[in-house]
Amino acid sequence: MNQIVGRIDGRDVQSVTLTGRDGLTAKILTYGARLTELWVADRAGGFADIVLGHDSLADWQAGTAFLGATCGRHANRIAGGRFVLDGQDIRLDCNDGGNHLHGGREGFDRKLWDIAAQGADHVTLTATSPEGEMGYPGRLSMRCTYRIDEADRLWIVMEAETTAPTVVNMVNHAYFNLAGHASGAVTDQVLRLWADRYTPVDASLIPTGQVVNVAGTAFDFTAPRPIGAPLPGEGGFDHNWCLSAPAEAVGAEHLRPCAEAVDPASGRRLMLWTDAPGVQVYTGAHLGGQPPGKAGIALVPFGGFTLETQGWPDAPNHPDFPPARLDPGQTYRHVMAFSFTPQPA
């Protein structure tokens, strides 16, 4: 079921509703290939929408927090907006102080994607990033597929091909609040990460190049604990964890377990698997000041957390990080799979 929610440059912007067997429902916006609603049951069978968002297209366009968006060409940060590729000095749009963030001012989150295929439980969106857009070499053709499978898992698959050597790191930037999108701070919700290391950052959130063990630090989520106990300073978390678990069978894919999150009060439980080497957890310290959230309710600091499975930030400037390079003839592919099984009381 599609709904037209507005127009951009004479083209319809559509909201696509996907439904699962047992009530899981997702809504996808063609502007930014965004996950805008995700209705999940609690332990008593009551459903709530657990992702942050807006009600109007104008607010989606005005927002700067990347709510629900597909981000790229290279998501997260690149120091100084520059790197060297095959001896060429590549200079990108700088939209985060002196750094490049989530593809620049006109990244994938600002594109109006086309619907290439859809059904009751799936939609595939496509878009193109021209040669030189935001400074990137190569013309990139992208696909983003959302699908709810027979086990009521939500799959997000991001793919791309290029006409020239380039770098690609596409992420989904949904903010989760397992108590419901307007339920206030998420700091009491419980998180576990399958990661024993993280990449420290400097004052501008650029990786220092170190890879540090989480043991004995505020970054240790190897055992479940409340997200906010403790936070590493007023800015909370906005860091990359290095995923370490071996892959396991998830449907027809082999993916590594990444994260488990639980809202103790409602019992809503999220489990995430991926094929990416890292995950950026951002606890939304700067969500205040955005356009109104759904139903006109203000977004609040720490009102949601992200689980942005990804290549590591600033990878093009760190030869020892997992590479972000994509060459002609190759297909970039990034898979996320979410399950939502309530935790018993």
C-alpha atoms as a PDB file:
ATOM      1  CA  MET A   1       0.000   0.000   0.000  1.00  0.00           C
ATOM      2  CA  ASN A   2       1.483   3.342  -1.098  1.00  0.00           C
ATOM      3  CA  GLN A   3       0.552   6.851  -0.012  1.00  0.00           C
ATOM      4  CA  ILE A   4       1.697  10.026  -1.752  1.00  0.00           C
ATOM      5  CA  VAL A   5       2.900  12.429   0.948  1.00  0.00           C
ATOM      6  CA  GLY A   6       4.134  15.321  -1.216  1.00  0.00           C
ATOM      7  CA  ARG A   7       6.184  16.243  -4.257  1.00  0.00           C
ATOM      8  CA  ILE A   8       9.823  17.173  -4.850  1.00  0.00           C
ATOM      9  CA  ASP A   9      10.849  18.689  -8.209  1.00  0.00           C
ATOM     10  CA  GLY A  10       7.569  17.548  -9.726  1.00  0.00           C
ATOM     11  CA  ARG A  11       7.942  13.938  -8.561  1.00  0.00           C
ATOM     12  CA  ASP A  12       5.715  12.140  -6.069  1.00  0.00           C
ATOM     13  CA  VAL A  13       7.175  11.250  -2.681  1.00  0.00           C
ATOM     14  CA  GLN A  14       5.650   7.976  -1.547  1.00  0.00           C
ATOM     15  CA  SER A  15       5.267   6.169   1.753  1.00  0.00           C
ATOM     16  CA  VAL A  16       5.246   2.379   1.358  1.00  0.00           C
ATOM     17  CA  THR A  17       3.733   0.103   4.028  1.00  0.00           C
ATOM     18  CA  LEU A  18       5.126  -3.416   4.545  1.00  0.00           C
ATOM     19  CA  THR A  19       3.353  -5.977   6.708  1.00  0.00           C
ATOM     20  CA  GLY A  20       4.484  -9.237   8.254  1.00  0.00           C
ATOM     21  CA  ARG A  21       2.639 -12.385   9.228  1.00  0.00           C
ATOM     22  CA  ASP A  22       2.297 -11.598  12.941  1.00  0.00           C
ATOM     23  CA  GLY A  23       1.670  -7.864  12.882  1.00  0.00           C
ATOM     24  CA  LEU A  24       5.136  -6.387  12.378  1.00  0.00           C
ATOM     25  CA  THR A  25       4.611  -3.306  10.176  1.00  0.00           C
ATOM     26  CA  ALA A  26       7.190  -1.010   8.584  1.00  0.00           C
ATOM     27  CA  LYS A  27       6.766   2.202   6.618  1.00  0.00           C
ATOM     28  CA  ILE A  28       9.381   3.338   4.115  1.00  0.00           C
ATOM     29  CA  LEU A  29       9.645   6.832   2.600  1.00  0.00           C
ATOM     30  CA  THR A  30      11.095   7.214  -0.895  1.00  0.00           C
ATOM     31  CA  TYR A  31      12.732  10.483   0.201  1.00  0.00           C
ATOM     32  CA  GLY A  32      16.032   9.242   1.612  1.00  0.00           C
ATOM     33  CA  ALA A  33      14.950   5.568   1.430  1.00  0.00           C
ATOM     34  CA  ARG A  34      13.943   6.039   5.072  1.00  0.00           C
ATOM     35  CA  LEU A  35      12.492   3.720   7.681  1.00  0.00           C
ATOM     36  CA  THR A  36       9.815   6.034   9.109  1.00  0.00           C
ATOM     37  CA  GLU A  37       7.668   3.697  11.225  1.00  0.00           C
ATOM     38  CA  LEU A  38       8.226   0.269  12.769  1.00  0.00           C
ATOM     39  CA  TRP A  39       5.364  -1.247  14.763  1.00  0.00           C
ATOM     40  CA  VAL A  40       6.533  -3.948  17.186  1.00  0.00           C
ATOM     41  CA  ALA A  41       4.669  -5.942  19.854  1.00  0.00           C
ATOM     42  CA  ASP A  42       5.450  -5.865  23.576  1.00  0.00           C
ATOM     43  CA  ARG A  43       5.237  -8.890  25.889  1.00  0.00           C
ATOM     44  CA  ALA A  44       1.456  -8.348  26.280  1.00  0.00           C
ATOM     45  CA  GLY A  45       0.851  -8.131  22.525  1.00  0.00           C
ATOM     46  CA  GLY A  46       0.481  -4.353  22.403  1.00  0.00           C
ATOM     47  CA  PHE A  47       2.054  -2.640  19.416  1.00  0.00           C
ATOM     48  CA  ALA A  48       4.033   0.627  19.377  1.00  0.00           C
ATOM     49  CA  ASP A  49       6.034   2.488  16.768  1.00  0.00           C
ATOM     50  CA  ILE A  50       9.664   2.242  17.936  1.00  0.00           C
ATOM     51  CA  VAL A  51      11.534   4.546  15.502  1.00  0.00           C
ATOM     52  CA  LEU A  52      11.809   8.322  15.657  1.00  0.00           C
ATOM     53  CA  GLY A  53      10.514  10.432  12.802  1.00  0.00           C
ATOM     54  CA  HIS A  54       8.345  13.305  11.602  1.00  0.00           C
ATOM     55  CA  ASP A  55       4.795  13.681  10.305  1.00  0.00           C
ATOM     56  CA  SER A  56       5.357  15.935   7.291  1.00  0.00           C
ATOM     57  CA  LEU A  57       7.629  15.882   4.267  1.00  0.00           C
ATOM     58  CA  ALA A  58       8.633  19.465   5.067  1.00  0.00           C
ATOM     59  CA  ASP A  59       9.916  18.351   8.465  1.00  0.00           C
ATOM     60  CA  TRP A  60      11.794  15.404   6.935  1.00  0.00           C
ATOM     61  CA  GLN A  61      13.472  17.871   4.559  1.00  0.00           C
ATOM     62  CA  ALA A  62      14.289  20.358   7.329  1.00  0.00           C
ATOM     63  CA  GLY A  63      15.701  17.780   9.742  1.00  0.00           C
ATOM     64  CA  THR A  64      19.452  17.359  10.128  1.00  0.00           C
ATOM     65  CA  ALA A  65      19.586  14.212  12.299  1.00  0.00           C
ATOM     66  CA  PHE A  66      19.289  11.702   9.398  1.00  0.00           C
ATOM     67  CA  LEU A  67      16.259  10.073  11.055  1.00  0.00           C
ATOM     68  CA  GLY A  68      15.651   6.653   9.481  1.00  0.00           C
ATOM     69  CA  ALA A  69      17.677   7.516   6.373  1.00  0.00           C
ATOM     70  CA  THR A  70      19.883   5.518   4.067  1.00  0.00           C
ATOM     71  CA  CYS A  71      23.168   7.425   4.291  1.00  0.00           C
ATOM     72  CA  GLY A  72      26.131   7.505   1.887  1.00  0.00           C
ATOM     73  CA  ARG A  73      28.117   7.552  -0.350  1.00  0.00           C
ATOM     74  CA  HIS A  74      30.522   7.091   2.573  1.00  0.00           C
ATOM     75  CA  ALA A  75      28.529   7.366   5.789  1.00  0.00           C
ATOM     76  CA  ASN A  76      30.032   8.446   9.100  1.00  0.00           C
ATOM     77  CA  ARG A  77      33.024  10.804   9.076  1.00  0.00           C
ATOM     78  CA  ILE A  78      36.026  11.339   6.798  1.00  0.00           C
ATOM     79  CA  ALA A  79      38.698  13.571   8.307  1.00  0.00           C
ATOM     80  CA  GLY A  80      39.130  16.876   6.537  1.00  0.00           C
ATOM     81  CA  GLY A  81      36.821  15.664   3.772  1.00  0.00           C
ATOM     82  CA  ARG A  82      39.763  14.192   1.907  1.00  0.00           C
ATOM     83  CA  PHE A  83      41.643  10.968   1.188  1.00  0.00           C
ATOM     84  CA  VAL A  84      43.985   9.569  -1.456  1.00  0.00           C
ATOM     85  CA  LEU A  85      42.774   6.968  -3.947  1.00  0.00           C
ATOM     86  CA  ASP A  86      45.214   5.532  -6.512  1.00  0.00           C
ATOM     87  CA  GLY A  87      47.452   8.543  -6.006  1.00  0.00           C
ATOM     88  CA  GLN A  88      44.646  11.050  -6.566  1.00  0.00           C
ATOM     89  CA  ASP A  89      43.780  13.549  -3.841  1.00  0.00           C
ATOM     90  CA  ILE A  90      40.006  13.243  -3.387  1.00  0.00           C
ATOM     91  CA  ARG A  91      38.303  16.245  -1.778  1.00  0.00           C
ATOM     92  CA  LEU A  92      34.755  15.888  -0.493  1.00  0.00           C
ATOM     93  CA  ASP A  93      32.057  18.267   0.684  1.00  0.00           C
ATOM     94  CA  CYS A  94      32.634  19.207   4.343  1.00  0.00           C
ATOM     95  CA  ASN A  95      29.357  19.471   6.241  1.00  0.00           C
ATOM     96  CA  ASP A  96      30.478  18.705   9.809  1.00  0.00           C
ATOM     97  CA  GLY A  97      32.880  21.469  10.737  1.00  0.00           C
ATOM     98  CA  GLY A  98      35.957  20.702   8.658  1.00  0.00           C
ATOM     99  CA  ASN A  99      34.959  17.065   8.126  1.00  0.00           C
ATOM    100  CA  HIS A 100      32.731  15.080   5.779  1.00  0.00           C
ATOM    101  CA  LEU A 101      29.698  13.366   7.366  1.00  0.00           C
ATOM    102  CA  HIS A 102      27.213  10.862   5.905  1.00  0.00           C
ATOM    103  CA  GLY A 103      27.938  11.723   2.276  1.00  0.00           C
ATOM    104  CA  GLY A 104      27.852  15.527   2.545  1.00  0.00           C
ATOM    105  CA  ARG A 105      25.125  18.128   2.309  1.00  0.00           C
ATOM    106  CA  GLU A 106      23.499  16.309  -0.609  1.00  0.00           C
ATOM    107  CA  GLY A 107      24.009  12.716   0.465  1.00  0.00           C
ATOM    108  CA  PHE A 108      21.774   9.722  -0.180  1.00  0.00           C
ATOM    109  CA  ASP A 109      19.440  10.895   2.620  1.00  0.00           C
ATOM    110  CA  ARG A 110      18.481  13.889   0.410  1.00  0.00           C
ATOM    111  CA  LYS A 111      17.708  11.862  -2.708  1.00  0.00           C
ATOM    112  CA  LEU A 112      14.267  10.929  -3.952  1.00  0.00           C
ATOM    113  CA  TRP A 113      14.607   7.221  -4.654  1.00  0.00           C
ATOM    114  CA  ASP A 114      12.581   5.292  -7.249  1.00  0.00           C
ATOM    115  CA  ILE A 115      10.485   2.208  -6.496  1.00  0.00           C
ATOM    116  CA  ALA A 116      11.935  -0.598  -8.634  1.00  0.00           C
ATOM    117  CA  ALA A 117       9.896  -3.478  -7.165  1.00  0.00           C
ATOM    118  CA  GLN A 118       7.464  -4.013  -4.332  1.00  0.00           C
ATOM    119  CA  GLY A 119       4.975  -6.377  -2.741  1.00  0.00           C
ATOM    120  CA  ALA A 120       3.047  -6.602   0.508  1.00  0.00           C
ATOM    121  CA  ASP A 121       6.207  -7.499   2.454  1.00  0.00           C
ATOM    122  CA  HIS A 122       9.032  -5.893   0.453  1.00  0.00           C
ATOM    123  CA  VAL A 123      10.166  -2.863  -1.513  1.00  0.00           C
ATOM    124  CA  THR A 124      13.332  -2.172  -3.526  1.00  0.00           C
ATOM    125  CA  LEU A 125      14.353   1.448  -4.045  1.00  0.00           C
ATOM    126  CA  THR A 126      16.969   2.652  -6.546  1.00  0.00           C
ATOM    127  CA  ALA A 127      18.927   5.867  -7.076  1.00  0.00           C
ATOM    128  CA  THR A 128      22.063   7.153  -8.807  1.00  0.00           C
ATOM    129  CA  SER A 129      24.961   9.230  -7.526  1.00  0.00           C
ATOM    130  CA  PRO A 130      26.612  11.005 -10.483  1.00  0.00           C
ATOM    131  CA  GLU A 131      30.361  11.182 -11.078  1.00  0.00           C
ATOM    132  CA  GLY A 132      31.761  13.945  -8.857  1.00  0.00           C
ATOM    133  CA  GLU A 133      28.724  14.284  -6.600  1.00  0.00           C
ATOM    134  CA  MET A 134      29.937  15.645  -3.257  1.00  0.00           C
ATOM    135  CA  GLY A 135      33.458  15.073  -4.672  1.00  0.00           C
ATOM    136  CA  TYR A 136      33.300  11.295  -5.106  1.00  0.00           C
ATOM    137  CA  PRO A 137      34.799   9.618  -8.180  1.00  0.00           C
ATOM    138  CA  GLY A 138      32.697   7.251 -10.277  1.00  0.00           C
ATOM    139  CA  ARG A 139      29.003   7.105 -11.070  1.00  0.00           C
ATOM    140  CA  LEU A 140      27.317   4.946  -8.429  1.00  0.00           C
ATOM    141  CA  SER A 141      24.091   2.983  -8.913  1.00  0.00           C
ATOM    142  CA  MET A 142      22.429   2.078  -5.608  1.00  0.00           C
ATOM    143  CA  ARG A 143      19.669  -0.236  -4.390  1.00  0.00           C
ATOM    144  CA  CYS A 144      18.068  -0.459  -0.977  1.00  0.00           C
ATOM    145  CA  THR A 145      15.667  -3.302  -0.201  1.00  0.00           C
ATOM    146  CA  TYR A 146      13.441  -3.548   2.865  1.00  0.00           C
ATOM    147  CA  ARG A 147      11.758  -6.928   3.444  1.00  0.00           C
ATOM    148  CA  ILE A 148       9.799  -8.650   6.210  1.00  0.00           C
ATOM    149  CA  ASP A 149      10.307 -12.418   6.024  1.00  0.00           C
ATOM    150  CA  GLU A 150       8.145 -15.350   7.104  1.00  0.00           C
ATOM    151  CA  ALA A 151       9.707 -15.230  10.605  1.00  0.00           C
ATOM    152  CA  ASP A 152       8.749 -11.532  10.966  1.00  0.00           C
ATOM    153  CA  ARG A 153      12.376 -10.440  10.674  1.00  0.00           C
ATOM    154  CA  LEU A 154      13.027  -7.070   9.050  1.00  0.00           C
ATOM    155  CA  TRP A 155      15.811  -7.168   6.468  1.00  0.00           C
ATOM    156  CA  ILE A 156      17.627  -4.150   5.040  1.00  0.00           C
ATOM    157  CA  VAL A 157      19.975  -4.831   2.112  1.00  0.00           C
ATOM    158  CA  MET A 158      22.032  -2.002   0.582  1.00  0.00           C
ATOM    159  CA  GLU A 159      23.879  -2.574  -2.703  1.00  0.00           C
ATOM    160  CA  ALA A 160      25.881  -0.483  -5.185  1.00  0.00           C
ATOM    161  CA  GLU A 161      28.002  -0.643  -8.359  1.00  0.00           C
ATOM    162  CA  THR A 162      30.451   1.955  -9.672  1.00  0.00           C
ATOM    163  CA  THR A 163      31.897   3.047 -13.014  1.00  0.00           C
ATOM    164  CA  ALA A 164      35.284   4.003 -11.495  1.00  0.00           C
ATOM    165  CA  PRO A 165      37.238   3.197  -8.317  1.00  0.00           C
ATOM    166  CA  THR A 166      35.562   4.881  -5.356  1.00  0.00           C
ATOM    167  CA  VAL A 167      34.688   4.313  -1.690  1.00  0.00           C
ATOM    168  CA  VAL A 168      31.290   3.180  -0.393  1.00  0.00           C
ATOM    169  CA  ASN A 169      29.904   2.783   3.117  1.00  0.00           C
ATOM    170  CA  MET A 170      26.101   2.854   3.163  1.00  0.00           C
ATOM    171  CA  VAL A 171      24.253   2.753   6.494  1.00  0.00           C
ATOM    172  CA  ASN A 172      20.727   2.821   7.838  1.00  0.00           C
ATOM    173  CA  HIS A 173      20.299   5.623  10.390  1.00  0.00           C
ATOM    174  CA  ALA A 174      17.101   4.641  12.235  1.00  0.00           C
ATOM    175  CA  TYR A 175      16.796   5.839  15.831  1.00  0.00           C
ATOM    176  CA  PHE A 176      15.174   3.279  18.122  1.00  0.00           C
ATOM    177  CA  ASN A 177      13.166   3.791  21.303  1.00  0.00           C
ATOM    178  CA  LEU A 178      11.813   0.388  22.292  1.00  0.00           C
ATOM    179  CA  ALA A 179       9.274   1.933  24.682  1.00  0.00           C
ATOM    180  CA  GLY A 180       7.726   3.870  21.782  1.00  0.00           C
ATOM    181  CA  HIS A 181       8.916   6.838  19.760  1.00  0.00           C
ATOM    182  CA  ALA A 182       7.625   9.478  22.214  1.00  0.00           C
ATOM    183  CA  SER A 183       8.648   7.775  25.461  1.00  0.00           C
ATOM    184  CA  GLY A 184      11.513  10.021  26.505  1.00  0.00           C
ATOM    185  CA  ALA A 185      15.096   9.042  27.188  1.00  0.00           C
ATOM    186  CA  VAL A 186      16.399   5.574  26.297  1.00  0.00           C
ATOM    187  CA  THR A 187      19.179   5.558  28.890  1.00  0.00           C
ATOM    188  CA  ASP A 188      17.440   2.857  30.992  1.00  0.00           C
ATOM    189  CA  GLN A 189      17.022   0.533  28.017  1.00  0.00           C
ATOM    190  CA  VAL A 190      19.464  -2.363  28.033  1.00  0.00           C
ATOM    191  CA  LEU A 191      22.079  -2.931  25.328  1.00  0.00           C
ATOM    192  CA  ARG A 192      24.465  -5.743  24.516  1.00  0.00           C
ATOM    193  CA  LEU A 193      27.071  -5.573  21.729  1.00  0.00           C
ATOM    194  CA  TRP A 194      29.030  -8.466  20.252  1.00  0.00           C
ATOM    195  CA  ALA A 195      32.170  -6.330  20.221  1.00  0.00           C
ATOM    196  CA  ASP A 196      35.256  -6.460  22.414  1.00  0.00           C
ATOM    197  CA  ARG A 197      37.004  -3.428  20.850  1.00  0.00           C
ATOM    198  CA  TYR A 198      36.126   0.093  19.727  1.00  0.00           C
ATOM    199  CA  THR A 199      37.798   2.933  17.828  1.00  0.00           C
ATOM    200  CA  PRO A 200      38.495   5.985  20.051  1.00  0.00           C
ATOM    201  CA  VAL A 201      37.905   9.430  18.554  1.00  0.00           C
ATOM    202  CA  ASP A 202      39.258  12.947  18.913  1.00  0.00           C
ATOM    203  CA  ALA A 203      37.237  16.047  19.817  1.00  0.00           C
ATOM    204  CA  SER A 204      35.708  16.201  16.322  1.00  0.00           C
ATOM    205  CA  LEU A 205      34.701  12.501  16.469  1.00  0.00           C
ATOM    206  CA  ILE A 206      37.405  11.415  14.002  1.00  0.00           C
ATOM    207  CA  PRO A 207      39.050   8.052  14.843  1.00  0.00           C
ATOM    208  CA  THR A 208      42.526   8.402  16.296  1.00  0.00           C
ATOM    209  CA  GLY A 209      43.639   5.233  14.500  1.00  0.00           C
ATOM    210  CA  GLN A 210      43.757   3.197  17.702  1.00  0.00           C
ATOM    211  CA  VAL A 211      41.671   0.084  18.264  1.00  0.00           C
ATOM    212  CA  VAL A 212      41.132  -0.370  21.998  1.00  0.00           C
ATOM    213  CA  ASN A 213      39.754  -3.195  24.140  1.00  0.00           C
ATOM    214  CA  VAL A 214      36.466  -2.246  25.843  1.00  0.00           C
ATOM    215  CA  ALA A 215      37.189  -4.138  29.064  1.00  0.00           C
ATOM    216  CA  GLY A 216      37.035  -1.882  32.114  1.00  0.00           C
ATOM    217  CA  THR A 217      35.656   1.105  30.178  1.00  0.00           C
ATOM    218  CA  ALA A 218      32.272   2.776  29.641  1.00  0.00           C
ATOM    219  CA  PHE A 219      32.314   1.149  26.184  1.00  0.00           C
ATOM    220  CA  ASP A 220      31.981  -2.407  27.511  1.00  0.00           C
ATOM    221  CA  PHE A 221      28.618  -3.798  26.405  1.00  0.00           C
ATOM    222  CA  THR A 222      29.812  -7.402  26.135  1.00  0.00           C
ATOM    223  CA  ALA A 223      27.280  -8.157  28.879  1.00  0.00           C
ATOM    224  CA  PRO A 224      23.829  -6.484  28.829  1.00  0.00           C
ATOM    225  CA  ARG A 225      23.620  -3.194  30.746  1.00  0.00           C
ATOM    226  CA  PRO A 226      21.597   0.031  30.657  1.00  0.00           C
ATOM    227  CA  ILE A 227      22.737   2.332  27.858  1.00  0.00           C
ATOM    228  CA  GLY A 228      23.239   5.252  30.235  1.00  0.00           C
ATOM    229  CA  ALA A 229      25.112   3.498  33.029  1.00  0.00           C
ATOM    230  CA  PRO A 230      27.480   5.192  32.530  1.00  0.00           C
ATOM    231  CA  LEU A 231      27.609   7.517  29.541  1.00  0.00           C
ATOM    232  CA  PRO A 232      31.096   8.733  28.547  1.00  0.00           C
ATOM    233  CA  GLY A 233      30.451  12.429  29.192  1.00  0.00           C
ATOM    234  CA  GLU A 234      27.674  14.843  28.292  1.00  0.00           C
ATOM    235  CA  GLY A 235      27.794  13.911  24.604  1.00  0.00           C
ATOM    236  CA  GLY A 236      26.938  10.297  25.311  1.00  0.00           C
ATOM    237  CA  PHE A 237      27.968   7.649  22.825  1.00  0.00           C
ATOM    238  CA  ASP A 238      28.725   8.400  19.185  1.00  0.00           C
ATOM    239  CA  HIS A 239      31.342   5.730  18.533  1.00  0.00           C
ATOM    240  CA  ASN A 240      32.185   2.743  16.378  1.00  0.00           C
ATOM    241  CA  TRP A 241      32.446  -0.710  17.917  1.00  0.00           C
ATOM    242  CA  CYS A 242      34.441  -3.438  16.128  1.00  0.00           C
ATOM    243  CA  LEU A 243      32.262  -6.526  15.754  1.00  0.00           C
ATOM    244  CA  SER A 244      33.964  -9.743  16.796  1.00  0.00           C
ATOM    245  CA  ALA A 245      31.520 -12.673  16.787  1.00  0.00           C
ATOM    246  CA  PRO A 246      31.683 -15.379  14.109  1.00  0.00           C
ATOM    247  CA  ALA A 247      28.942 -15.476  11.492  1.00  0.00           C
ATOM    248  CA  GLU A 248      25.950 -17.772  11.921  1.00  0.00           C
ATOM    249  CA  ALA A 249      23.021 -18.818   9.752  1.00  0.00           C
ATOM    250  CA  VAL A 250      20.204 -16.249   9.694  1.00  0.00           C
ATOM    251  CA  GLY A 251      17.644 -17.263   7.117  1.00  0.00           C
ATOM    252  CA  ALA A 252      19.584 -17.811   3.878  1.00  0.00           C
ATOM    253  CA  GLU A 253      22.451 -15.509   4.970  1.00  0.00           C
ATOM    254  CA  HIS A 254      25.501 -15.978   7.178  1.00  0.00           C
ATOM    255  CA  LEU A 255      25.693 -12.926   9.448  1.00  0.00           C
ATOM    256  CA  ARG A 256      27.467 -12.063  12.675  1.00  0.00           C
ATOM    257  CA  PRO A 257      25.400 -11.179  15.755  1.00  0.00           C
ATOM    258  CA  CYS A 258      25.772  -7.467  16.402  1.00  0.00           C
ATOM    259  CA  ALA A 259      23.427  -6.099  19.059  1.00  0.00           C
ATOM    260  CA  GLU A 260      20.596  -6.932  21.418  1.00  0.00           C
ATOM    261  CA  ALA A 261      18.474  -4.182  22.963  1.00  0.00           C
ATOM    262  CA  VAL A 262      15.623  -4.549  25.463  1.00  0.00           C
ATOM    263  CA  ASP A 263      13.122  -2.201  27.067  1.00  0.00           C
ATOM    264  CA  PRO A 264      12.629  -3.839  30.499  1.00  0.00           C
ATOM    265  CA  ALA A 265       9.220  -2.226  31.104  1.00  0.00           C
ATOM    266  CA  SER A 266       7.495  -3.358  27.891  1.00  0.00           C
ATOM    267  CA  GLY A 267       9.656  -6.386  27.128  1.00  0.00           C
ATOM    268  CA  ARG A 268      10.261  -5.235  23.561  1.00  0.00           C
ATOM    269  CA  ARG A 269      13.478  -6.847  22.422  1.00  0.00           C
ATOM    270  CA  LEU A 270      15.505  -6.152  19.286  1.00  0.00           C
ATOM    271  CA  MET A 271      18.186  -8.500  17.965  1.00  0.00           C
ATOM    272  CA  LEU A 272      20.404  -7.404  15.059  1.00  0.00           C
ATOM    273  CA  TRP A 273      22.722  -9.383  12.773  1.00  0.00           C
ATOM    274  CA  THR A 274      24.915  -7.971   9.983  1.00  0.00           C
ATOM    275  CA  ASP A 275      27.757  -8.680   7.572  1.00  0.00           C
ATOM    276  CA  ALA A 276      29.428  -5.321   8.365  1.00  0.00           C
ATOM    277  CA  PRO A 277      32.631  -5.071  10.449  1.00  0.00           C
ATOM    278  CA  GLY A 278      31.397  -2.335  12.792  1.00  0.00           C
ATOM    279  CA  VAL A 279      28.410  -0.644  14.400  1.00  0.00           C
ATOM    280  CA  GLN A 280      28.035   3.042  15.318  1.00  0.00           C
ATOM    281  CA  VAL A 281      25.955   3.550  18.438  1.00  0.00           C
ATOM    282  CA  TYR A 282      24.747   7.131  18.798  1.00  0.00           C
ATOM    283  CA  THR A 283      22.597   7.903  21.824  1.00  0.00           C
ATOM    284  CA  GLY A 284      21.054  11.070  20.409  1.00  0.00           C
ATOM    285  CA  ALA A 285      22.522  13.711  22.697  1.00  0.00           C
ATOM    286  CA  HIS A 286      21.813  16.407  20.094  1.00  0.00           C
ATOM    287  CA  LEU A 287      18.274  15.470  19.056  1.00  0.00           C
ATOM    288  CA  GLY A 288      16.856  18.615  20.659  1.00  0.00           C
ATOM    289  CA  GLY A 289      16.320  21.458  18.212  1.00  0.00           C
ATOM    290  CA  GLN A 290      15.120  19.239  15.380  1.00  0.00           C
ATOM    291  CA  PRO A 291      11.697  19.734  13.729  1.00  0.00           C
ATOM    292  CA  PRO A 292       8.827  18.213  15.741  1.00  0.00           C
ATOM    293  CA  GLY A 293       8.594  14.461  16.012  1.00  0.00           C
ATOM    294  CA  LYS A 294       5.494  12.405  15.263  1.00  0.00           C
ATOM    295  CA  ALA A 295       2.183  13.783  16.538  1.00  0.00           C
ATOM    296  CA  GLY A 296       3.958  17.121  17.027  1.00  0.00           C
ATOM    297  CA  ILE A 297       5.846  15.839  20.075  1.00  0.00           C
ATOM    298  CA  ALA A 298       9.282  17.405  20.480  1.00  0.00           C
ATOM    299  CA  LEU A 299      12.341  15.216  20.018  1.00  0.00           C
ATOM    300  CA  VAL A 300      14.438  15.173  23.181  1.00  0.00           C
ATOM    301  CA  PRO A 301      18.128  14.538  23.872  1.00  0.00           C
ATOM    302  CA  PHE A 302      18.784  10.828  24.352  1.00  0.00           C
ATOM    303  CA  GLY A 303      15.317  10.079  22.978  1.00  0.00           C
ATOM    304  CA  GLY A 304      16.606   7.320  20.695  1.00  0.00           C
ATOM    305  CA  PHE A 305      19.706   5.301  19.849  1.00  0.00           C
ATOM    306  CA  THR A 306      21.130   4.196  16.512  1.00  0.00           C
ATOM    307  CA  LEU A 307      22.651   0.871  15.500  1.00  0.00           C
ATOM    308  CA  GLU A 308      24.417   1.907  12.284  1.00  0.00           C
ATOM    309  CA  THR A 309      26.154  -1.238  11.061  1.00  0.00           C
ATOM    310  CA  GLN A 310      28.968  -0.026   8.859  1.00  0.00           C
ATOM    311  CA  GLY A 311      32.529   0.000   7.674  1.00  0.00           C
ATOM    312  CA  TRP A 312      34.685   1.794  10.207  1.00  0.00           C
ATOM    313  CA  PRO A 313      34.633   5.627  10.084  1.00  0.00           C
ATOM    314  CA  ASP A 314      37.435   7.409   8.210  1.00  0.00           C
ATOM    315  CA  ALA A 315      38.503   4.062   6.732  1.00  0.00           C
ATOM    316  CA  PRO A 316      39.856   5.648   3.498  1.00  0.00           C
ATOM    317  CA  ASN A 317      42.531   7.331   5.643  1.00  0.00           C
ATOM    318  CA  HIS A 318      43.487   4.234   7.658  1.00  0.00           C
ATOM    319  CA  PRO A 319      45.024   1.386   5.607  1.00  0.00           C
ATOM    320  CA  ASP A 320      44.732  -0.982   8.586  1.00  0.00           C
ATOM    321  CA  PHE A 321      40.932  -0.470   8.895  1.00  0.00           C
ATOM    322  CA  PRO A 322      38.558  -2.710   6.893  1.00  0.00           C
ATOM    323  CA  PRO A 323      38.663  -1.230   3.355  1.00  0.00           C
ATOM    324  CA  ALA A 324      35.825   0.841   1.885  1.00  0.00           C
ATOM    325  CA  ARG A 325      37.074   0.677  -1.711  1.00  0.00           C
ATOM    326  CA  LEU A 326      34.738  -0.398  -4.527  1.00  0.00           C
ATOM    327  CA  ASP A 327      35.973  -1.070  -8.068  1.00  0.00           C
ATOM    328  CA  PRO A 328      34.093  -1.468 -11.362  1.00  0.00           C
ATOM    329  CA  GLY A 329      32.770  -5.005 -11.766  1.00  0.00           C
ATOM    330  CA  GLN A 330      32.292  -5.423  -8.017  1.00  0.00           C
ATOM    331  CA  THR A 331      29.031  -5.152  -6.078  1.00  0.00           C
ATOM    332  CA  TYR A 332      28.970  -3.489  -2.687  1.00  0.00           C
ATOM    333  CA  ARG A 333      26.519  -5.330  -0.410  1.00  0.00           C
ATOM    334  CA  HIS A 334      25.573  -4.591   3.191  1.00  0.00           C
ATOM    335  CA  VAL A 335      22.962  -6.683   5.035  1.00  0.00           C
ATOM    336  CA  MET A 336      21.081  -6.052   8.278  1.00  0.00           C
ATOM    337  CA  ALA A 337      18.532  -8.443   9.815  1.00  0.00           C
ATOM    338  CA  PHE A 338      16.372  -7.508  12.816  1.00  0.00           C
ATOM    339  CA  SER A 339      14.192  -9.824  14.896  1.00  0.00           C
ATOM    340  CA  PHE A 340      11.715  -8.687  17.545  1.00  0.00           C
ATOM    341  CA  THR A 341      10.947 -11.393  20.107  1.00  0.00           C
ATOM    342  CA  PRO A 342       9.504  -9.999  23.371  1.00  0.00           C
ATOM    343  CA  GLN A 343      11.365 -10.724  26.571  1.00  0.00           C
ATOM    344  CA  PRO A 344       9.205 -12.507  29.182  1.00  0.00           C
ATOM    345  CA  ALA A 345       8.423 -10.717  32.427  1.00  0.00           C
END
